[in-house]
Amino acid sequence: MAPDTFKQTLTALCNRRPFRAFTVELDDGTRLEIDQPHAVLTRNNVAVFLPPNAKPIWFDHMNVIRILDDRLDADRADAA
């Protein structure tokens, strides 16, 4: 993912109100289900996901395959 797209997308999704869950899909197949607005911290082109009761997961723009807006994608599936 392009560095600017990475930061802008994560920031926009974490800051939207009301907050809605989204998913970050990594190049190793890992899917990070972001369900809290402060569960992801970003700086430059690096992010850390802080899941409840688990170790932090670090990732950067080069590891991200795509970022999915869960609600928007669910609405599209329902409409199809």
PDB file of N, CA and C in Angstrom:
ATOM      1  N   MET A   1       0.857  -1.167   0.000  1.00  0.00           N
ATOM      2  CA  MET A   1       0.000   0.000   0.000  1.00  0.00           C
ATOM      3  C   MET A   1       0.904   1.231   0.000  1.00  0.00           C
ATOM      4  N   ALA A   2       0.514   2.253  -0.724  1.00  0.00           N
ATOM      5  CA  ALA A   2       1.300   3.489  -0.770  1.00  0.00           C
ATOM      6  C   ALA A   2       1.373   4.119   0.622  1.00  0.00           C
ATOM      7  N   PRO A   3       2.540   4.669   0.988  1.00  0.00           N
ATOM      8  CA  PRO A   3       2.701   5.242   2.332  1.00  0.00           C
ATOM      9  C   PRO A   3       1.645   6.291   2.686  1.00  0.00           C
ATOM     10  N   ASP A   4       1.348   7.197   1.768  1.00  0.00           N
ATOM     11  CA  ASP A   4       0.362   8.246   2.064  1.00  0.00           C
ATOM     12  C   ASP A   4      -1.037   7.663   2.252  1.00  0.00           C
ATOM     13  N   THR A   5      -1.391   6.700   1.420  1.00  0.00           N
ATOM     14  CA  THR A   5      -2.696   6.048   1.536  1.00  0.00           C
ATOM     15  C   THR A   5      -2.817   5.318   2.865  1.00  0.00           C
ATOM     16  N   PHE A   6      -1.749   4.635   3.268  1.00  0.00           N
ATOM     17  CA  PHE A   6      -1.706   3.894   4.533  1.00  0.00           C
ATOM     18  C   PHE A   6      -2.043   4.805   5.702  1.00  0.00           C
ATOM     19  N   LYS A   7      -1.293   5.878   5.845  1.00  0.00           N
ATOM     20  CA  LYS A   7      -1.486   6.777   6.988  1.00  0.00           C
ATOM     21  C   LYS A   7      -2.842   7.475   6.930  1.00  0.00           C
ATOM     22  N   GLN A   8      -3.210   7.999   5.775  1.00  0.00           N
ATOM     23  CA  GLN A   8      -4.479   8.722   5.644  1.00  0.00           C
ATOM     24  C   GLN A   8      -5.678   7.817   5.917  1.00  0.00           C
ATOM     25  N   THR A   9      -5.637   6.600   5.406  1.00  0.00           N
ATOM     26  CA  THR A   9      -6.759   5.678   5.594  1.00  0.00           C
ATOM     27  C   THR A   9      -6.899   5.264   7.047  1.00  0.00           C
ATOM     28  N   LEU A  10      -5.783   4.864   7.679  1.00  0.00           N
ATOM     29  CA  LEU A  10      -5.847   4.475   9.093  1.00  0.00           C
ATOM     30  C   LEU A  10      -6.325   5.629   9.964  1.00  0.00           C
ATOM     31  N   THR A  11      -5.796   6.813   9.722  1.00  0.00           N
ATOM     32  CA  THR A  11      -6.187   7.977  10.518  1.00  0.00           C
ATOM     33  C   THR A  11      -7.671   8.282  10.347  1.00  0.00           C
ATOM     34  N   ALA A  12      -8.142   8.281   9.113  1.00  0.00           N
ATOM     35  CA  ALA A  12      -9.557   8.575   8.853  1.00  0.00           C
ATOM     36  C   ALA A  12     -10.477   7.546   9.504  1.00  0.00           C
ATOM     37  N   LEU A  13     -10.140   6.269   9.388  1.00  0.00           N
ATOM     38  CA  LEU A  13     -10.998   5.232   9.961  1.00  0.00           C
ATOM     39  C   LEU A  13     -10.990   5.262  11.488  1.00  0.00           C
ATOM     40  N   CYS A  14      -9.853   5.544  12.083  1.00  0.00           N
ATOM     41  CA  CYS A  14      -9.780   5.598  13.552  1.00  0.00           C
ATOM     42  C   CYS A  14     -10.464   6.837  14.124  1.00  0.00           C
ATOM     43  N   ASN A  15     -10.504   7.916  13.352  1.00  0.00           N
ATOM     44  CA  ASN A  15     -11.054   9.180  13.854  1.00  0.00           C
ATOM     45  C   ASN A  15     -12.519   9.415  13.505  1.00  0.00           C
ATOM     46  N   ARG A  16     -13.121   8.582  12.703  1.00  0.00           N
ATOM     47  CA  ARG A  16     -14.513   8.847  12.315  1.00  0.00           C
ATOM     48  C   ARG A  16     -15.449   8.645  13.509  1.00  0.00           C
ATOM     49  N   ARG A  17     -16.496   9.436  13.509  1.00  0.00           N
ATOM     50  CA  ARG A  17     -17.484   9.370  14.587  1.00  0.00           C
ATOM     51  C   ARG A  17     -18.860   9.256  13.968  1.00  0.00           C
ATOM     52  N   PRO A  18     -19.655   8.305  14.360  1.00  0.00           N
ATOM     53  CA  PRO A  18     -19.290   7.299  15.343  1.00  0.00           C
ATOM     54  C   PRO A  18     -18.275   6.325  14.754  1.00  0.00           C
ATOM     55  N   PHE A  19     -17.447   5.783  15.616  1.00  0.00           N
ATOM     56  CA  PHE A  19     -16.444   4.818  15.181  1.00  0.00           C
ATOM     57  C   PHE A  19     -17.139   3.546  14.713  1.00  0.00           C
ATOM     58  N   ARG A  20     -16.604   2.961  13.638  1.00  0.00           N
ATOM     59  CA  ARG A  20     -17.078   1.663  13.147  1.00  0.00           C
ATOM     60  C   ARG A  20     -15.862   0.766  12.936  1.00  0.00           C
ATOM     61  N   ALA A  21     -16.022  -0.502  13.239  1.00  0.00           N
ATOM     62  CA  ALA A  21     -14.929  -1.464  13.104  1.00  0.00           C
ATOM     63  C   ALA A  21     -14.446  -1.553  11.657  1.00  0.00           C
ATOM     64  N   PHE A  22     -13.165  -1.873  11.512  1.00  0.00           N
ATOM     65  CA  PHE A  22     -12.587  -2.118  10.199  1.00  0.00           C
ATOM     66  C   PHE A  22     -11.514  -3.188  10.329  1.00  0.00           C
ATOM     67  N   THR A  23     -11.065  -3.711   9.199  1.00  0.00           N
ATOM     68  CA  THR A  23     -10.102  -4.806   9.181  1.00  0.00           C
ATOM     69  C   THR A  23      -8.892  -4.419   8.348  1.00  0.00           C
ATOM     70  N   VAL A  24      -7.715  -4.732   8.870  1.00  0.00           N
ATOM     71  CA  VAL A  24      -6.470  -4.554   8.129  1.00  0.00           C
ATOM     72  C   VAL A  24      -5.985  -5.946   7.744  1.00  0.00           C
ATOM     73  N   GLU A  25      -5.809  -6.177   6.451  1.00  0.00           N
ATOM     74  CA  GLU A  25      -5.327  -7.473   5.977  1.00  0.00           C
ATOM     75  C   GLU A  25      -3.853  -7.356   5.614  1.00  0.00           C
ATOM     76  N   LEU A  26      -3.029  -8.197   6.247  1.00  0.00           N
ATOM     77  CA  LEU A  26      -1.585  -8.165   6.031  1.00  0.00           C
ATOM     78  C   LEU A  26      -1.158  -9.181   4.974  1.00  0.00           C
ATOM     79  N   ASP A  27       0.051  -9.002   4.462  1.00  0.00           N
ATOM     80  CA  ASP A  27       0.546  -9.850   3.379  1.00  0.00           C
ATOM     81  C   ASP A  27       0.777 -11.304   3.776  1.00  0.00           C
ATOM     82  N   ASP A  28       0.802 -11.612   5.071  1.00  0.00           N
ATOM     83  CA  ASP A  28       0.951 -13.005   5.507  1.00  0.00           C
ATOM     84  C   ASP A  28      -0.405 -13.673   5.769  1.00  0.00           C
ATOM     85  N   GLY A  29      -1.488 -12.973   5.435  1.00  0.00           N
ATOM     86  CA  GLY A  29      -2.830 -13.507   5.629  1.00  0.00           C
ATOM     87  C   GLY A  29      -3.482 -13.115   6.942  1.00  0.00           C
ATOM     88  N   THR A  30      -2.729 -12.493   7.838  1.00  0.00           N
ATOM     89  CA  THR A  30      -3.275 -12.045   9.116  1.00  0.00           C
ATOM     90  C   THR A  30      -4.320 -10.969   8.879  1.00  0.00           C
ATOM     91  N   ARG A  31      -5.427 -11.074   9.600  1.00  0.00           N
ATOM     92  CA  ARG A  31      -6.484 -10.056   9.533  1.00  0.00           C
ATOM     93  C   ARG A  31      -6.621  -9.442  10.914  1.00  0.00           C
ATOM     94  N   LEU A  32      -6.371  -8.163  10.995  1.00  0.00           N
ATOM     95  CA  LEU A  32      -6.473  -7.433  12.254  1.00  0.00           C
ATOM     96  C   LEU A  32      -7.845  -6.782  12.314  1.00  0.00           C
ATOM     97  N   GLU A  33      -8.668  -7.230  13.243  1.00  0.00           N
ATOM     98  CA  GLU A  33     -10.023  -6.706  13.405  1.00  0.00           C
ATOM     99  C   GLU A  33      -9.957  -5.531  14.379  1.00  0.00           C
ATOM    100  N   ILE A  34     -10.013  -4.333  13.857  1.00  0.00           N
ATOM    101  CA  ILE A  34      -9.898  -3.123  14.665  1.00  0.00           C
ATOM    102  C   ILE A  34     -11.296  -2.735  15.128  1.00  0.00           C
ATOM    103  N   ASP A  35     -11.567  -2.943  16.420  1.00  0.00           N
ATOM    104  CA  ASP A  35     -12.916  -2.690  16.923  1.00  0.00           C
ATOM    105  C   ASP A  35     -12.978  -1.561  17.949  1.00  0.00           C
ATOM    106  N   GLN A  36     -11.863  -0.884  18.169  1.00  0.00           N
ATOM    107  CA  GLN A  36     -11.809   0.261  19.077  1.00  0.00           C
ATOM    108  C   GLN A  36     -10.985   1.362  18.415  1.00  0.00           C
ATOM    109  N   PRO A  37     -11.386   2.607  18.523  1.00  0.00           N
ATOM    110  CA  PRO A  37     -10.685   3.687  17.823  1.00  0.00           C
ATOM    111  C   PRO A  37      -9.246   3.900  18.276  1.00  0.00           C
ATOM    112  N   HIS A  38      -8.926   3.548  19.501  1.00  0.00           N
ATOM    113  CA  HIS A  38      -7.565   3.776  19.998  1.00  0.00           C
ATOM    114  C   HIS A  38      -6.739   2.496  20.022  1.00  0.00           C
ATOM    115  N   ALA A  39      -7.185   1.474  19.309  1.00  0.00           N
ATOM    116  CA  ALA A  39      -6.459   0.204  19.259  1.00  0.00           C
ATOM    117  C   ALA A  39      -5.303   0.237  18.266  1.00  0.00           C
ATOM    118  N   VAL A  40      -5.235   1.276  17.434  1.00  0.00           N
ATOM    119  CA  VAL A  40      -4.155   1.420  16.458  1.00  0.00           C
ATOM    120  C   VAL A  40      -3.481   2.766  16.665  1.00  0.00           C
ATOM    121  N   LEU A  41      -2.165   2.721  16.742  1.00  0.00           N
ATOM    122  CA  LEU A  41      -1.367   3.939  16.835  1.00  0.00           C
ATOM    123  C   LEU A  41      -0.485   4.006  15.598  1.00  0.00           C
ATOM    124  N   THR A  42      -0.370   5.191  15.000  1.00  0.00           N
ATOM    125  CA  THR A  42       0.472   5.336  13.815  1.00  0.00           C
ATOM    126  C   THR A  42       1.495   6.439  14.022  1.00  0.00           C
ATOM    127  N   ARG A  43       2.624   6.245  13.386  1.00  0.00           N
ATOM    128  CA  ARG A  43       3.663   7.274  13.352  1.00  0.00           C
ATOM    129  C   ARG A  43       4.431   7.059  12.064  1.00  0.00           C
ATOM    130  N   ASN A  44       4.523   8.128  11.281  1.00  0.00           N
ATOM    131  CA  ASN A  44       5.125   8.027   9.956  1.00  0.00           C
ATOM    132  C   ASN A  44       4.411   6.917   9.194  1.00  0.00           C
ATOM    133  N   ASN A  45       5.118   5.911   8.733  1.00  0.00           N
ATOM    134  CA  ASN A  45       4.478   4.838   7.966  1.00  0.00           C
ATOM    135  C   ASN A  45       4.488   3.511   8.711  1.00  0.00           C
ATOM    136  N   VAL A  46       4.470   3.588  10.041  1.00  0.00           N
ATOM    137  CA  VAL A  46       4.448   2.399  10.887  1.00  0.00           C
ATOM    138  C   VAL A  46       3.243   2.492  11.809  1.00  0.00           C
ATOM    139  N   ALA A  47       2.627   1.338  12.079  1.00  0.00           N
ATOM    140  CA  ALA A  47       1.483   1.295  12.993  1.00  0.00           C
ATOM    141  C   ALA A  47       1.656   0.134  13.956  1.00  0.00           C
ATOM    142  N   VAL A  48       1.001   0.255  15.091  1.00  0.00           N
ATOM    143  CA  VAL A  48       0.952  -0.845  16.046  1.00  0.00           C
ATOM    144  C   VAL A  48      -0.506  -1.048  16.443  1.00  0.00           C
ATOM    145  N   PHE A  49      -0.937  -2.303  16.388  1.00  0.00           N
ATOM    146  CA  PHE A  49      -2.284  -2.688  16.795  1.00  0.00           C
ATOM    147  C   PHE A  49      -2.176  -3.270  18.191  1.00  0.00           C
ATOM    148  N   LEU A  50      -2.992  -2.767  19.103  1.00  0.00           N
ATOM    149  CA  LEU A  50      -2.991  -3.208  20.493  1.00  0.00           C
ATOM    150  C   LEU A  50      -4.265  -4.000  20.774  1.00  0.00           C
ATOM    151  N   PRO A  51      -4.240  -5.306  20.473  1.00  0.00           N
ATOM    152  CA  PRO A  51      -5.437  -6.118  20.714  1.00  0.00           C
ATOM    153  C   PRO A  51      -5.628  -6.365  22.202  1.00  0.00           C
ATOM    154  N   PRO A  52      -6.866  -6.563  22.631  1.00  0.00           N
ATOM    155  CA  PRO A  52      -7.099  -6.843  24.050  1.00  0.00           C
ATOM    156  C   PRO A  52      -6.472  -8.183  24.439  1.00  0.00           C
ATOM    157  N   ASN A  53      -5.796  -8.178  25.562  1.00  0.00           N
ATOM    158  CA  ASN A  53      -5.226  -9.412  26.128  1.00  0.00           C
ATOM    159  C   ASN A  53      -4.266 -10.144  25.198  1.00  0.00           C
ATOM    160  N   ALA A  54      -3.534  -9.415  24.373  1.00  0.00           N
ATOM    161  CA  ALA A  54      -2.567 -10.046  23.469  1.00  0.00           C
ATOM    162  C   ALA A  54      -1.387  -9.104  23.254  1.00  0.00           C
ATOM    163  N   LYS A  55      -0.360  -9.625  22.627  1.00  0.00           N
ATOM    164  CA  LYS A  55       0.830  -8.823  22.353  1.00  0.00           C
ATOM    165  C   LYS A  55       0.559  -7.841  21.217  1.00  0.00           C
ATOM    166  N   PRO A  56       1.197  -6.674  21.259  1.00  0.00           N
ATOM    167  CA  PRO A  56       1.054  -5.702  20.169  1.00  0.00           C
ATOM    168  C   PRO A  56       1.546  -6.288  18.841  1.00  0.00           C
ATOM    169  N   ILE A  57       0.921  -5.859  17.772  1.00  0.00           N
ATOM    170  CA  ILE A  57       1.296  -6.297  16.430  1.00  0.00           C
ATOM    171  C   ILE A  57       1.734  -5.071  15.639  1.00  0.00           C
ATOM    172  N   TRP A  58       2.992  -5.071  15.217  1.00  0.00           N
ATOM    173  CA  TRP A  58       3.551  -3.970  14.439  1.00  0.00           C
ATOM    174  C   TRP A  58       3.388  -4.265  12.956  1.00  0.00           C
ATOM    175  N   PHE A  59       3.065  -3.250  12.166  1.00  0.00           N
ATOM    176  CA  PHE A  59       2.985  -3.408  10.718  1.00  0.00           C
ATOM    177  C   PHE A  59       3.240  -2.062  10.063  1.00  0.00           C
ATOM    178  N   ASP A  60       3.576  -2.105   8.787  1.00  0.00           N
ATOM    179  CA  ASP A  60       3.802  -0.862   8.053  1.00  0.00           C
ATOM    180  C   ASP A  60       3.112  -0.938   6.695  1.00  0.00           C
ATOM    181  N   HIS A  61       3.259   0.118   5.920  1.00  0.00           N
ATOM    182  CA  HIS A  61       2.539   0.204   4.648  1.00  0.00           C
ATOM    183  C   HIS A  61       2.905  -0.930   3.698  1.00  0.00           C
ATOM    184  N   MET A  62       4.111  -1.468   3.811  1.00  0.00           N
ATOM    185  CA  MET A  62       4.527  -2.541   2.909  1.00  0.00           C
ATOM    186  C   MET A  62       3.891  -3.885   3.265  1.00  0.00           C
ATOM    187  N   ASN A  63       3.421  -4.057   4.511  1.00  0.00           N
ATOM    188  CA  ASN A  63       2.787  -5.306   4.943  1.00  0.00           C
ATOM    189  C   ASN A  63       1.295  -5.351   4.647  1.00  0.00           C
ATOM    190  N   VAL A  64       0.690  -4.223   4.338  1.00  0.00           N
ATOM    191  CA  VAL A  64      -0.769  -4.154   4.201  1.00  0.00           C
ATOM    192  C   VAL A  64      -1.201  -4.459   2.768  1.00  0.00           C
ATOM    193  N   ILE A  65      -2.055  -5.464   2.639  1.00  0.00           N
ATOM    194  CA  ILE A  65      -2.646  -5.799   1.344  1.00  0.00           C
ATOM    195  C   ILE A  65      -3.835  -4.880   1.075  1.00  0.00           C
ATOM    196  N   ARG A  66      -4.685  -4.735   2.097  1.00  0.00           N
ATOM    197  CA  ARG A  66      -5.849  -3.856   1.964  1.00  0.00           C
ATOM    198  C   ARG A  66      -6.422  -3.547   3.341  1.00  0.00           C
ATOM    199  N   ILE A  67      -7.209  -2.491   3.380  1.00  0.00           N
ATOM    200  CA  ILE A  67      -7.931  -2.105   4.588  1.00  0.00           C
ATOM    201  C   ILE A  67      -9.408  -2.126   4.229  1.00  0.00           C
ATOM    202  N   LEU A  68     -10.165  -2.904   4.994  1.00  0.00           N
ATOM    203  CA  LEU A  68     -11.579  -3.107   4.697  1.00  0.00           C
ATOM    204  C   LEU A  68     -12.451  -2.374   5.699  1.00  0.00           C
ATOM    205  N   ASP A  69     -13.395  -1.621   5.193  1.00  0.00           N
ATOM    206  CA  ASP A  69     -14.394  -0.969   6.034  1.00  0.00           C
ATOM    207  C   ASP A  69     -15.500  -1.997   6.246  1.00  0.00           C
ATOM    208  N   ASP A  70     -15.501  -2.673   7.396  1.00  0.00           N
ATOM    209  CA  ASP A  70     -16.388  -3.808   7.637  1.00  0.00           C
ATOM    210  C   ASP A  70     -17.854  -3.493   7.380  1.00  0.00           C
ATOM    211  N   ARG A  71     -18.327  -2.384   7.854  1.00  0.00           N
ATOM    212  CA  ARG A  71     -19.750  -2.049   7.699  1.00  0.00           C
ATOM    213  C   ARG A  71     -20.087  -1.781   6.235  1.00  0.00           C
ATOM    214  N   LEU A  72     -19.230  -1.019   5.568  1.00  0.00           N
ATOM    215  CA  LEU A  72     -19.463  -0.706   4.166  1.00  0.00           C
ATOM    216  C   LEU A  72     -19.451  -1.980   3.329  1.00  0.00           C
ATOM    217  N   ASP A  73     -18.490  -2.866   3.595  1.00  0.00           N
ATOM    218  CA  ASP A  73     -18.415  -4.117   2.854  1.00  0.00           C
ATOM    219  C   ASP A  73     -19.620  -5.009   3.144  1.00  0.00           C
ATOM    220  N   ALA A  74     -20.101  -5.031   4.384  1.00  0.00           N
ATOM    221  CA  ALA A  74     -21.284  -5.822   4.737  1.00  0.00           C
ATOM    222  C   ALA A  74     -22.518  -5.270   4.030  1.00  0.00           C
ATOM    223  N   ASP A  75     -22.639  -3.938   3.982  1.00  0.00           N
ATOM    224  CA  ASP A  75     -23.773  -3.318   3.298  1.00  0.00           C
ATOM    225  C   ASP A  75     -23.761  -3.664   1.809  1.00  0.00           C
ATOM    226  N   ARG A  76     -22.585  -3.673   1.201  1.00  0.00           N
ATOM    227  CA  ARG A  76     -22.473  -4.020  -0.217  1.00  0.00           C
ATOM    228  C   ARG A  76     -22.881  -5.469  -0.450  1.00  0.00           C
ATOM    229  N   ALA A  77     -22.468  -6.359   0.445  1.00  0.00           N
ATOM    230  CA  ALA A  77     -22.814  -7.777   0.310  1.00  0.00           C
ATOM    231  C   ALA A  77     -24.319  -7.974   0.446  1.00  0.00           C
ATOM    232  N   ASP A  78     -24.943  -7.245   1.369  1.00  0.00           N
ATOM    233  CA  ASP A  78     -26.393  -7.350   1.557  1.00  0.00           C
ATOM    234  C   ASP A  78     -27.148  -6.851   0.329  1.00  0.00           C
ATOM    235  N   ALA A  79     -26.608  -5.837  -0.333  1.00  0.00           N
ATOM    236  CA  ALA A  79     -27.271  -5.252  -1.490  1.00  0.00           C
ATOM    237  C   ALA A  79     -27.150  -6.138  -2.730  1.00  0.00           C
ATOM    238  N   ALA A  80     -26.156  -7.003  -2.755  1.00  0.00           N
ATOM    239  CA  ALA A  80     -25.913  -7.845  -3.947  1.00  0.00           C
ATOM    240  C   ALA A  80     -26.882  -8.999  -4.048  1.00  0.00           C
TER     241      ALA A  80
END
